[in-house]
Protein backbone atom coordinates (compact mmCIF):
# COMPACT_ATOMS: atom_id res chain seq x y z
CA MET A 1 -0.33 0.04 0.12
CA PRO A 2 1.74 3.44 -1.01
CA LYS A 3 2.32 5.91 1.85
CA PRO A 4 0.08 8.90 2.51
CA LEU A 5 0.89 12.33 1.21
CA ILE A 6 2.41 13.83 3.79
CA HIS A 7 -0.03 17.93 3.10
CA ASN A 8 2.09 20.33 5.59
CA PRO A 9 5.56 18.20 5.76
CA SER A 10 7.98 19.55 8.48
CA LEU A 11 11.17 22.01 8.38
CA ALA A 12 12.76 18.53 9.52
CA PHE A 13 11.88 17.07 6.32
CA ARG A 14 12.18 19.76 3.47
CA PRO A 15 15.86 19.37 4.17
CA ALA A 16 16.12 15.56 3.67
CA THR A 17 13.37 15.11 0.75
CA LEU A 18 14.65 18.13 -0.64
CA ASN A 19 18.41 16.43 -1.25
CA ARG A 20 16.82 13.26 -2.18
CA HIS A 21 15.01 15.27 -4.94
CA LEU A 22 18.90 17.09 -6.19
CA GLU A 23 20.28 13.62 -6.34
CA LEU A 24 18.32 11.64 -8.59
CA ILE A 25 17.76 15.57 -10.56
CA THR A 26 22.14 14.74 -11.38
CA LYS A 27 21.47 11.00 -11.75
CA HIS A 28 18.40 11.39 -13.94
CA GLN A 29 19.30 14.44 -15.19
CA PRO A 30 22.52 15.87 -15.63
CA ASP A 31 21.63 18.43 -18.19
CA THR A 32 19.56 20.52 -15.88
CA PRO A 33 21.08 24.04 -15.92
CA PRO A 34 21.35 25.28 -12.66
CA SER A 35 19.22 27.88 -12.71
CA GLN A 36 16.17 25.36 -12.60
CA VAL A 37 16.83 23.68 -10.12
CA LYS A 38 17.59 26.35 -7.69
CA ASN A 39 14.27 27.55 -8.75
CA HIS A 40 12.86 23.71 -8.25
CA ALA A 41 14.64 23.83 -4.31
CA GLY A 42 13.30 27.70 -3.31
CA ARG A 43 10.02 25.56 -4.27
CA TYR A 44 10.35 24.09 -1.17
CA PHE A 45 10.76 26.34 1.58
CA LYS A 46 7.58 28.87 0.95
CA GLY A 47 5.33 29.67 2.90
CA VAL A 48 7.25 28.73 5.93
CA PRO A 49 8.87 30.59 8.68
CA GLY A 50 12.30 32.17 6.99
CA GLY A 51 11.59 30.79 3.96
CA ALA A 52 12.55 33.89 2.29
CA GLU A 53 15.67 34.27 3.55
CA ILE A 54 15.86 30.53 3.30
CA ARG A 55 15.28 31.08 -0.62
CA ARG A 56 17.48 33.98 -1.07
CA GLN A 57 20.97 31.87 -0.03
CA ILE A 58 19.67 29.06 -2.47
CA PHE A 59 19.80 31.87 -5.17
CA SER A 60 22.92 33.09 -4.66
CA GLN A 61 24.31 29.63 -4.73
CA THR A 62 26.88 29.30 -7.39
CA SER A 63 27.35 25.37 -8.05
CA TYR A 64 25.73 22.29 -7.24
CA THR A 65 28.33 21.15 -4.67
CA ALA A 66 28.12 24.65 -2.22
CA LEU A 67 23.65 23.81 -2.97
CA THR A 68 23.83 21.04 -1.99
CA GLU A 69 26.25 22.14 1.41
CA LEU A 70 23.55 24.66 1.45
CA ILE A 71 21.20 21.74 1.96
CA GLY A 72 22.77 19.79 4.57
CA SER A 73 23.04 22.87 6.62
CA LEU A 74 19.99 23.77 7.05
CA ALA A 75 19.08 19.83 7.58
CA ASP A 76 21.14 20.24 10.11
CA PHE A 77 19.40 23.57 11.66
CA SER A 78 16.06 22.15 11.35
CA GLY A 79 17.20 18.84 13.23
CA ASP A 80 18.37 20.98 15.83
CA CYS A 81 14.79 22.84 15.93
CA ALA A 82 12.58 20.02 15.93
CA SER A 83 14.09 18.75 18.75
């Protein structure tokens, strides 16, 4: 049986899911332009407290590596907030 959709995922869930999604994009669609990847990544933080600042940080990254490091730091931060 499929898992139910999460309609309001927690802040801790979003970076982990985004990180996995970015891995899949680079594996299956390696020619995806960086601007499209950043636009997609920014959507994960729409409507959350501090989301505008997170999106600003996402759009300021200049490489895929820097973007994944930022997402990793968000996962660490959101995990601290969840406990």
